[in-house]
Amino acid sequence: MALPSPPPSCYLAGLALNLAVMAVAVELFAIPYLAARIPATGISFIGNHLGQSRITFHGQRPERVKGLLLPMTLPGTGNL
Protein backbone atom coordinates (compact mmCIF):
# COMPACT_ATOMS: atom_id res chain seq x y z
CA MET A 1 0.00 0.00 0.00
CA ALA A 2 1.48 3.34 -1.02
CA LEU A 3 1.50 6.16 1.46
CA PRO A 4 -0.57 9.21 0.52
CA SER A 5 1.35 12.34 -0.30
CA PRO A 6 0.59 15.28 1.98
CA PRO A 7 -1.12 18.30 0.48
CA PRO A 8 1.03 21.41 0.01
CA SER A 9 -1.11 23.19 2.60
CA CYS A 10 0.56 21.09 5.32
CA TYR A 11 3.98 22.39 4.29
CA LEU A 12 2.81 25.98 3.96
CA ALA A 13 1.07 25.88 7.34
CA GLY A 14 4.27 24.60 8.98
CA LEU A 15 6.28 27.37 7.36
CA ALA A 16 3.77 30.01 8.41
CA LEU A 17 3.73 28.69 11.97
CA ASN A 18 7.53 28.75 12.12
CA LEU A 19 7.67 32.32 10.80
CA ALA A 20 4.93 33.48 13.19
CA VAL A 21 6.69 32.05 16.23
CA MET A 22 9.97 33.58 15.08
CA ALA A 23 8.35 36.99 14.59
CA VAL A 24 6.72 36.94 18.02
CA ALA A 25 9.89 35.76 19.76
CA VAL A 26 12.19 38.28 18.07
CA GLU A 27 9.91 41.31 17.89
CA LEU A 28 7.83 41.08 21.05
CA PHE A 29 10.14 39.26 23.45
CA ALA A 30 13.45 40.59 22.05
CA ILE A 31 14.96 37.10 21.94
CA PRO A 32 18.04 36.83 19.70
CA TYR A 33 17.36 35.27 16.31
CA LEU A 34 19.31 32.04 16.84
CA ALA A 35 17.83 31.50 20.30
CA ALA A 36 14.33 32.02 18.91
CA ARG A 37 14.90 29.25 16.37
CA ILE A 38 14.79 26.61 19.14
CA PRO A 39 11.17 27.10 20.30
CA ALA A 40 10.06 27.94 16.75
CA THR A 41 11.45 24.66 15.46
CA GLY A 42 9.89 22.67 18.29
CA ILE A 43 6.47 24.27 17.93
CA SER A 44 6.44 23.90 14.14
CA PHE A 45 7.59 20.27 14.48
CA ILE A 46 4.63 19.50 16.73
CA GLY A 47 2.28 21.46 14.49
CA ASN A 48 3.49 19.62 11.39
CA HIS A 49 3.08 16.27 13.11
CA LEU A 50 -0.48 17.07 14.18
CA GLY A 51 -1.33 18.39 10.72
CA GLN A 52 0.08 15.36 8.96
CA SER A 53 -1.66 12.93 11.30
CA ARG A 54 -5.03 14.69 11.04
CA ILE A 55 -5.05 15.70 7.36
CA THR A 56 -2.84 13.30 5.43
CA PHE A 57 -3.55 10.12 7.38
CA HIS A 58 -7.13 10.95 8.40
CA GLY A 59 -9.18 7.81 8.94
CA GLN A 60 -6.27 5.41 8.51
CA ARG A 61 -5.20 3.25 11.40
CA PRO A 62 -1.83 1.56 11.33
CA GLU A 63 -1.92 -2.20 11.52
CA ARG A 64 -0.24 -3.80 14.48
CA VAL A 65 3.13 -5.24 13.60
CA LYS A 66 3.82 -8.42 15.49
CA GLY A 67 7.25 -9.76 16.28
CA LEU A 68 9.27 -6.56 16.11
CA LEU A 69 9.86 -6.21 19.83
CA LEU A 70 11.99 -9.09 20.99
CA PRO A 71 12.00 -10.05 24.65
CA MET A 72 15.07 -8.75 26.41
CA THR A 73 16.90 -10.52 29.20
CA LEU A 74 18.97 -8.55 31.69
CA PRO A 75 21.20 -10.30 34.22
CA GLY A 76 19.37 -10.79 37.49
CA THR A 77 16.01 -9.47 36.26
CA GLY A 78 14.66 -12.27 34.11
CA ASN A 79 12.67 -11.56 30.99
CA LEU A 80 11.22 -8.08 30.60
PDB file of N, CA and C in Angstrom:
ATOM      1  N   MET A   1       0.842  -1.177   0.000  1.00  0.00           N
ATOM      2  CA  MET A   1       0.000   0.000   0.000  1.00  0.00           C
ATOM      3  C   MET A   1       0.886   1.238   0.000  1.00  0.00           C
ATOM      4  N   ALA A   2       0.678   2.112  -0.925  1.00  0.00           N
ATOM      5  CA  ALA A   2       1.477   3.335  -1.021  1.00  0.00           C
ATOM      6  C   ALA A   2       0.954   4.369  -0.040  1.00  0.00           C
ATOM      7  N   LEU A   3       1.883   5.106   0.533  1.00  0.00           N
ATOM      8  CA  LEU A   3       1.497   6.159   1.463  1.00  0.00           C
ATOM      9  C   LEU A   3       0.979   7.361   0.689  1.00  0.00           C
ATOM     10  N   PRO A   4      -0.059   8.024   1.216  1.00  0.00           N
ATOM     11  CA  PRO A   4      -0.568   9.210   0.522  1.00  0.00           C
ATOM     12  C   PRO A   4       0.408  10.370   0.652  1.00  0.00           C
ATOM     13  N   SER A   5       0.466  11.174  -0.382  1.00  0.00           N
ATOM     14  CA  SER A   5       1.349  12.341  -0.300  1.00  0.00           C
ATOM     15  C   SER A   5       0.596  13.475   0.382  1.00  0.00           C
ATOM     16  N   PRO A   6       1.277  14.201   1.271  1.00  0.00           N
ATOM     17  CA  PRO A   6       0.591  15.280   1.983  1.00  0.00           C
ATOM     18  C   PRO A   6       0.291  16.445   1.054  1.00  0.00           C
ATOM     19  N   PRO A   7      -0.801  17.133   1.313  1.00  0.00           N
ATOM     20  CA  PRO A   7      -1.117  18.304   0.484  1.00  0.00           C
ATOM     21  C   PRO A   7      -0.138  19.435   0.772  1.00  0.00           C
ATOM     22  N   PRO A   8       0.093  20.299  -0.203  1.00  0.00           N
ATOM     23  CA  PRO A   8       1.026  21.415   0.008  1.00  0.00           C
ATOM     24  C   PRO A   8       0.606  22.334   1.147  1.00  0.00           C
ATOM     25  N   SER A   9      -0.657  22.327   1.507  1.00  0.00           N
ATOM     26  CA  SER A   9      -1.112  23.190   2.603  1.00  0.00           C
ATOM     27  C   SER A   9      -0.461  22.799   3.923  1.00  0.00           C
ATOM     28  N   CYS A  10      -0.120  21.517   4.090  1.00  0.00           N
ATOM     29  CA  CYS A  10       0.562  21.092   5.324  1.00  0.00           C
ATOM     30  C   CYS A  10       1.939  21.745   5.408  1.00  0.00           C
ATOM     31  N   TYR A  11       2.652  21.785   4.300  1.00  0.00           N
ATOM     32  CA  TYR A  11       3.982  22.388   4.294  1.00  0.00           C
ATOM     33  C   TYR A  11       3.911  23.892   4.500  1.00  0.00           C
ATOM     34  N   LEU A  12       2.945  24.529   3.839  1.00  0.00           N
ATOM     35  CA  LEU A  12       2.808  25.975   3.961  1.00  0.00           C
ATOM     36  C   LEU A  12       2.357  26.381   5.363  1.00  0.00           C
ATOM     37  N   ALA A  13       1.507  25.577   5.976  1.00  0.00           N
ATOM     38  CA  ALA A  13       1.068  25.875   7.338  1.00  0.00           C
ATOM     39  C   ALA A  13       2.233  25.746   8.313  1.00  0.00           C
ATOM     40  N   GLY A  14       3.096  24.753   8.120  1.00  0.00           N
ATOM     41  CA  GLY A  14       4.268  24.602   8.978  1.00  0.00           C
ATOM     42  C   GLY A  14       5.231  25.764   8.824  1.00  0.00           C
ATOM     43  N   LEU A  15       5.414  26.220   7.604  1.00  0.00           N
ATOM     44  CA  LEU A  15       6.285  27.368   7.361  1.00  0.00           C
ATOM     45  C   LEU A  15       5.707  28.634   7.984  1.00  0.00           C
ATOM     46  N   ALA A  16       4.409  28.839   7.831  1.00  0.00           N
ATOM     47  CA  ALA A  16       3.766  30.015   8.411  1.00  0.00           C
ATOM     48  C   ALA A  16       3.825  29.989   9.934  1.00  0.00           C
ATOM     49  N   LEU A  17       3.640  28.821  10.520  1.00  0.00           N
ATOM     50  CA  LEU A  17       3.733  28.693  11.974  1.00  0.00           C
ATOM     51  C   LEU A  17       5.136  29.006  12.461  1.00  0.00           C
ATOM     52  N   ASN A  18       6.138  28.487  11.760  1.00  0.00           N
ATOM     53  CA  ASN A  18       7.528  28.751  12.123  1.00  0.00           C
ATOM     54  C   ASN A  18       7.838  30.247  12.038  1.00  0.00           C
ATOM     55  N   LEU A  19       7.421  30.888  10.959  1.00  0.00           N
ATOM     56  CA  LEU A  19       7.667  32.321  10.798  1.00  0.00           C
ATOM     57  C   LEU A  19       6.925  33.152  11.840  1.00  0.00           C
ATOM     58  N   ALA A  20       5.704  32.743  12.189  1.00  0.00           N
ATOM     59  CA  ALA A  20       4.934  33.481  13.188  1.00  0.00           C
ATOM     60  C   ALA A  20       5.580  33.392  14.566  1.00  0.00           C
ATOM     61  N   VAL A  21       6.029  32.203  14.937  1.00  0.00           N
ATOM     62  CA  VAL A  21       6.688  32.050  16.234  1.00  0.00           C
ATOM     63  C   VAL A  21       7.992  32.834  16.259  1.00  0.00           C
ATOM     64  N   MET A  22       8.728  32.804  15.149  1.00  0.00           N
ATOM     65  CA  MET A  22       9.973  33.576  15.077  1.00  0.00           C
ATOM     66  C   MET A  22       9.696  35.075  15.212  1.00  0.00           C
ATOM     67  N   ALA A  23       8.672  35.566  14.534  1.00  0.00           N
ATOM     68  CA  ALA A  23       8.355  36.992  14.590  1.00  0.00           C
ATOM     69  C   ALA A  23       7.957  37.419  15.998  1.00  0.00           C
ATOM     70  N   VAL A  24       7.143  36.603  16.663  1.00  0.00           N
ATOM     71  CA  VAL A  24       6.720  36.940  18.025  1.00  0.00           C
ATOM     72  C   VAL A  24       7.909  36.908  18.973  1.00  0.00           C
ATOM     73  N   ALA A  25       8.749  35.888  18.849  1.00  0.00           N
ATOM     74  CA  ALA A  25       9.887  35.758  19.760  1.00  0.00           C
ATOM     75  C   ALA A  25      10.893  36.892  19.574  1.00  0.00           C
ATOM     76  N   VAL A  26      11.170  37.257  18.333  1.00  0.00           N
ATOM     77  CA  VAL A  26      12.191  38.280  18.075  1.00  0.00           C
ATOM     78  C   VAL A  26      11.639  39.686  18.312  1.00  0.00           C
ATOM     79  N   GLU A  27      10.443  39.958  17.821  1.00  0.00           N
ATOM     80  CA  GLU A  27       9.911  41.314  17.889  1.00  0.00           C
ATOM     81  C   GLU A  27       9.311  41.653  19.255  1.00  0.00           C
ATOM     82  N   LEU A  28       8.512  40.762  19.798  1.00  0.00           N
ATOM     83  CA  LEU A  28       7.825  41.082  21.051  1.00  0.00           C
ATOM     84  C   LEU A  28       8.665  40.783  22.300  1.00  0.00           C
ATOM     85  N   PHE A  29       9.386  39.671  22.265  1.00  0.00           N
ATOM     86  CA  PHE A  29      10.138  39.263  23.452  1.00  0.00           C
ATOM     87  C   PHE A  29      11.617  39.599  23.375  1.00  0.00           C
ATOM     88  N   ALA A  30      12.053  40.170  22.265  1.00  0.00           N
ATOM     89  CA  ALA A  30      13.447  40.586  22.050  1.00  0.00           C
ATOM     90  C   ALA A  30      14.444  39.450  22.287  1.00  0.00           C
ATOM     91  N   ILE A  31      14.070  38.260  21.860  1.00  0.00           N
ATOM     92  CA  ILE A  31      14.962  37.102  21.942  1.00  0.00           C
ATOM     93  C   ILE A  31      15.870  37.133  20.719  1.00  0.00           C
ATOM     94  N   PRO A  32      17.157  36.864  20.879  1.00  0.00           N
ATOM     95  CA  PRO A  32      18.037  36.827  19.704  1.00  0.00           C
ATOM     96  C   PRO A  32      17.552  35.793  18.682  1.00  0.00           C
ATOM     97  N   TYR A  33      17.871  36.075  17.421  1.00  0.00           N
ATOM     98  CA  TYR A  33      17.357  35.267  16.306  1.00  0.00           C
ATOM     99  C   TYR A  33      17.677  33.783  16.472  1.00  0.00           C
ATOM    100  N   LEU A  34      18.937  33.452  16.748  1.00  0.00           N
ATOM    101  CA  LEU A  34      19.309  32.043  16.845  1.00  0.00           C
ATOM    102  C   LEU A  34      18.673  31.360  18.047  1.00  0.00           C
ATOM    103  N   ALA A  35      18.492  32.082  19.138  1.00  0.00           N
ATOM    104  CA  ALA A  35      17.831  31.498  20.305  1.00  0.00           C
ATOM    105  C   ALA A  35      16.335  31.307  20.050  1.00  0.00           C
ATOM    106  N   ALA A  36      15.752  32.147  19.233  1.00  0.00           N
ATOM    107  CA  ALA A  36      14.326  32.022  18.914  1.00  0.00           C
ATOM    108  C   ALA A  36      14.054  30.847  17.984  1.00  0.00           C
ATOM    109  N   ARG A  37      15.069  30.389  17.281  1.00  0.00           N
ATOM    110  CA  ARG A  37      14.897  29.252  16.374  1.00  0.00           C
ATOM    111  C   ARG A  37      14.553  27.969  17.133  1.00  0.00           C
ATOM    112  N   ILE A  38      15.013  27.849  18.383  1.00  0.00           N
ATOM    113  CA  ILE A  38      14.785  26.612  19.139  1.00  0.00           C
ATOM    114  C   ILE A  38      13.298  26.401  19.429  1.00  0.00           C
ATOM    115  N   PRO A  39      12.601  27.343  20.089  1.00  0.00           N
ATOM    116  CA  PRO A  39      11.169  27.097  20.300  1.00  0.00           C
ATOM    117  C   PRO A  39      10.366  27.106  18.997  1.00  0.00           C
ATOM    118  N   ALA A  40      10.786  27.903  18.024  1.00  0.00           N
ATOM    119  CA  ALA A  40      10.058  27.936  16.750  1.00  0.00           C
ATOM    120  C   ALA A  40      10.135  26.586  16.046  1.00  0.00           C
ATOM    121  N   THR A  41      11.296  25.970  16.081  1.00  0.00           N
ATOM    122  CA  THR A  41      11.450  24.658  15.456  1.00  0.00           C
ATOM    123  C   THR A  41      10.628  23.608  16.189  1.00  0.00           C
ATOM    124  N   GLY A  42      10.660  23.643  17.508  1.00  0.00           N
ATOM    125  CA  GLY A  42       9.887  22.669  18.286  1.00  0.00           C
ATOM    126  C   GLY A  42       8.394  22.811  18.076  1.00  0.00           C
ATOM    127  N   ILE A  43       7.907  24.044  18.102  1.00  0.00           N
ATOM    128  CA  ILE A  43       6.471  24.273  17.925  1.00  0.00           C
ATOM    129  C   ILE A  43       6.027  23.912  16.513  1.00  0.00           C
ATOM    130  N   SER A  44       6.826  24.254  15.510  1.00  0.00           N
ATOM    131  CA  SER A  44       6.443  23.900  14.143  1.00  0.00           C
ATOM    132  C   SER A  44       6.555  22.398  13.907  1.00  0.00           C
ATOM    133  N   PHE A  45       7.483  21.731  14.583  1.00  0.00           N
ATOM    134  CA  PHE A  45       7.588  20.267  14.478  1.00  0.00           C
ATOM    135  C   PHE A  45       6.317  19.611  15.000  1.00  0.00           C
ATOM    136  N   ILE A  46       5.859  20.059  16.159  1.00  0.00           N
ATOM    137  CA  ILE A  46       4.634  19.496  16.733  1.00  0.00           C
ATOM    138  C   ILE A  46       3.431  19.837  15.858  1.00  0.00           C
ATOM    139  N   GLY A  47       3.380  21.070  15.364  1.00  0.00           N
ATOM    140  CA  GLY A  47       2.276  21.461  14.489  1.00  0.00           C
ATOM    141  C   GLY A  47       2.255  20.663  13.197  1.00  0.00           C
ATOM    142  N   ASN A  48       3.425  20.430  12.614  1.00  0.00           N
ATOM    143  CA  ASN A  48       3.486  19.621  11.391  1.00  0.00           C
ATOM    144  C   ASN A  48       3.049  18.190  11.654  1.00  0.00           C
ATOM    145  N   HIS A  49       3.462  17.643  12.784  1.00  0.00           N
ATOM    146  CA  HIS A  49       3.077  16.267  13.113  1.00  0.00           C
ATOM    147  C   HIS A  49       1.559  16.162  13.272  1.00  0.00           C
ATOM    148  N   LEU A  50       0.970  17.100  13.995  1.00  0.00           N
ATOM    149  CA  LEU A  50      -0.485  17.072  14.177  1.00  0.00           C
ATOM    150  C   LEU A  50      -1.211  17.270  12.848  1.00  0.00           C
ATOM    151  N   GLY A  51      -0.708  18.173  12.017  1.00  0.00           N
ATOM    152  CA  GLY A  51      -1.331  18.391  10.716  1.00  0.00           C
ATOM    153  C   GLY A  51      -1.246  17.172   9.817  1.00  0.00           C
ATOM    154  N   GLN A  52      -0.083  16.554   9.787  1.00  0.00           N
ATOM    155  CA  GLN A  52       0.084  15.356   8.956  1.00  0.00           C
ATOM    156  C   GLN A  52      -0.820  14.222   9.456  1.00  0.00           C
ATOM    157  N   SER A  53      -0.875  14.041  10.775  1.00  0.00           N
ATOM    158  CA  SER A  53      -1.662  12.926  11.296  1.00  0.00           C
ATOM    159  C   SER A  53      -3.155  13.161  11.129  1.00  0.00           C
ATOM    160  N   ARG A  54      -3.602  14.417  11.138  1.00  0.00           N
ATOM    161  CA  ARG A  54      -5.034  14.690  11.042  1.00  0.00           C
ATOM    162  C   ARG A  54      -5.507  14.926   9.613  1.00  0.00           C
ATOM    163  N   ILE A  55      -4.626  15.402   8.738  1.00  0.00           N
ATOM    164  CA  ILE A  55      -5.046  15.704   7.364  1.00  0.00           C
ATOM    165  C   ILE A  55      -4.625  14.587   6.413  1.00  0.00           C
ATOM    166  N   THR A  56      -3.345  14.266   6.396  1.00  0.00           N
ATOM    167  CA  THR A  56      -2.841  13.295   5.425  1.00  0.00           C
ATOM    168  C   THR A  56      -3.309  11.884   5.736  1.00  0.00           C
ATOM    169  N   PHE A  57      -3.236  11.499   7.007  1.00  0.00           N
ATOM    170  CA  PHE A  57      -3.555  10.122   7.380  1.00  0.00           C
ATOM    171  C   PHE A  57      -4.898  10.042   8.097  1.00  0.00           C
ATOM    172  N   HIS A  58      -5.816  10.932   7.762  1.00  0.00           N
ATOM    173  CA  HIS A  58      -7.131  10.949   8.397  1.00  0.00           C
ATOM    174  C   HIS A  58      -7.886   9.662   8.085  1.00  0.00           C
ATOM    175  N   GLY A  59      -8.378   9.013   9.124  1.00  0.00           N
ATOM    176  CA  GLY A  59      -9.179   7.814   8.943  1.00  0.00           C
ATOM    177  C   GLY A  59      -8.386   6.540   8.740  1.00  0.00           C
ATOM    178  N   GLN A  60      -7.079   6.611   8.690  1.00  0.00           N
ATOM    179  CA  GLN A  60      -6.266   5.414   8.505  1.00  0.00           C
ATOM    180  C   GLN A  60      -5.663   5.016   9.842  1.00  0.00           C
ATOM    181  N   ARG A  61      -5.799   3.779  10.189  1.00  0.00           N
ATOM    182  CA  ARG A  61      -5.205   3.251  11.405  1.00  0.00           C
ATOM    183  C   ARG A  61      -4.067   2.322  11.021  1.00  0.00           C
ATOM    184  N   PRO A  62      -2.914   2.476  11.648  1.00  0.00           N
ATOM    185  CA  PRO A  62      -1.826   1.557  11.331  1.00  0.00           C
ATOM    186  C   PRO A  62      -2.136   0.157  11.854  1.00  0.00           C
ATOM    187  N   GLU A  63      -1.734  -0.821  11.085  1.00  0.00           N
ATOM    188  CA  GLU A  63      -1.918  -2.199  11.524  1.00  0.00           C
ATOM    189  C   GLU A  63      -0.853  -2.533  12.554  1.00  0.00           C
ATOM    190  N   ARG A  64      -1.209  -3.386  13.475  1.00  0.00           N
ATOM    191  CA  ARG A  64      -0.236  -3.801  14.479  1.00  0.00           C
ATOM    192  C   ARG A  64       0.803  -4.697  13.823  1.00  0.00           C
ATOM    193  N   VAL A  65       2.038  -4.413  14.115  1.00  0.00           N
ATOM    194  CA  VAL A  65       3.126  -5.236  13.595  1.00  0.00           C
ATOM    195  C   VAL A  65       3.563  -6.155  14.713  1.00  0.00           C
ATOM    196  N   LYS A  66       3.478  -7.438  14.464  1.00  0.00           N
ATOM    197  CA  LYS A  66       3.821  -8.417  15.485  1.00  0.00           C
ATOM    198  C   LYS A  66       5.243  -8.905  15.273  1.00  0.00           C
ATOM    199  N   GLY A  67       5.931  -9.142  16.355  1.00  0.00           N
ATOM    200  CA  GLY A  67       7.247  -9.757  16.280  1.00  0.00           C
ATOM    201  C   GLY A  67       8.403  -8.793  16.155  1.00  0.00           C
ATOM    202  N   LEU A  68       8.161  -7.492  16.219  1.00  0.00           N
ATOM    203  CA  LEU A  68       9.274  -6.556  16.109  1.00  0.00           C
ATOM    204  C   LEU A  68       9.984  -6.349  17.439  1.00  0.00           C
ATOM    205  N   LEU A  69       9.246  -6.399  18.524  1.00  0.00           N
ATOM    206  CA  LEU A  69       9.863  -6.210  19.829  1.00  0.00           C
ATOM    207  C   LEU A  69      10.237  -7.570  20.400  1.00  0.00           C
ATOM    208  N   LEU A  70      11.511  -7.810  20.462  1.00  0.00           N
ATOM    209  CA  LEU A  70      11.987  -9.088  20.987  1.00  0.00           C
ATOM    210  C   LEU A  70      12.103  -9.003  22.497  1.00  0.00           C
ATOM    211  N   PRO A  71      11.824 -10.080  23.199  1.00  0.00           N
ATOM    212  CA  PRO A  71      12.001 -10.048  24.651  1.00  0.00           C
ATOM    213  C   PRO A  71      13.468  -9.839  24.994  1.00  0.00           C
ATOM    214  N   MET A  72      13.712  -9.083  26.017  1.00  0.00           N
ATOM    215  CA  MET A  72      15.071  -8.755  26.412  1.00  0.00           C
ATOM    216  C   MET A  72      15.356  -9.351  27.774  1.00  0.00           C
ATOM    217  N   THR A  73      16.522  -9.934  27.939  1.00  0.00           N
ATOM    218  CA  THR A  73      16.904 -10.524  29.205  1.00  0.00           C
ATOM    219  C   THR A  73      18.073  -9.744  29.778  1.00  0.00           C
ATOM    220  N   LEU A  74      17.895  -9.235  30.987  1.00  0.00           N
ATOM    221  CA  LEU A  74      18.972  -8.555  31.688  1.00  0.00           C
ATOM    222  C   LEU A  74      19.431  -9.448  32.842  1.00  0.00           C
ATOM    223  N   PRO A  75      20.720  -9.446  33.119  1.00  0.00           N
ATOM    224  CA  PRO A  75      21.202 -10.299  34.217  1.00  0.00           C
ATOM    225  C   PRO A  75      20.522  -9.948  35.533  1.00  0.00           C
ATOM    226  N   GLY A  76      19.982 -10.966  36.181  1.00  0.00           N
ATOM    227  CA  GLY A  76      19.373 -10.787  37.487  1.00  0.00           C
ATOM    228  C   GLY A  76      17.940 -10.289  37.472  1.00  0.00           C
ATOM    229  N   THR A  77      17.382  -9.976  36.310  1.00  0.00           N
ATOM    230  CA  THR A  77      16.013  -9.468  36.263  1.00  0.00           C
ATOM    231  C   THR A  77      15.049 -10.415  35.590  1.00  0.00           C
ATOM    232  N   GLY A  78      15.541 -11.386  34.863  1.00  0.00           N
ATOM    233  CA  GLY A  78      14.659 -12.267  34.112  1.00  0.00           C
ATOM    234  C   GLY A  78      14.216 -11.603  32.825  1.00  0.00           C
ATOM    235  N   ASN A  79      13.180 -12.133  32.236  1.00  0.00           N
ATOM    236  CA  ASN A  79      12.668 -11.555  30.989  1.00  0.00           C
ATOM    237  C   ASN A  79      11.829 -10.330  31.272  1.00  0.00           C
ATOM    238  N   LEU A  80      12.029  -9.299  30.472  1.00  0.00           N
ATOM    239  CA  LEU A  80      11.220  -8.084  30.595  1.00  0.00           C
ATOM    240  C   LEU A  80      10.167  -8.072  29.528  1.00  0.00           C
TER     241      LEU A  80
END
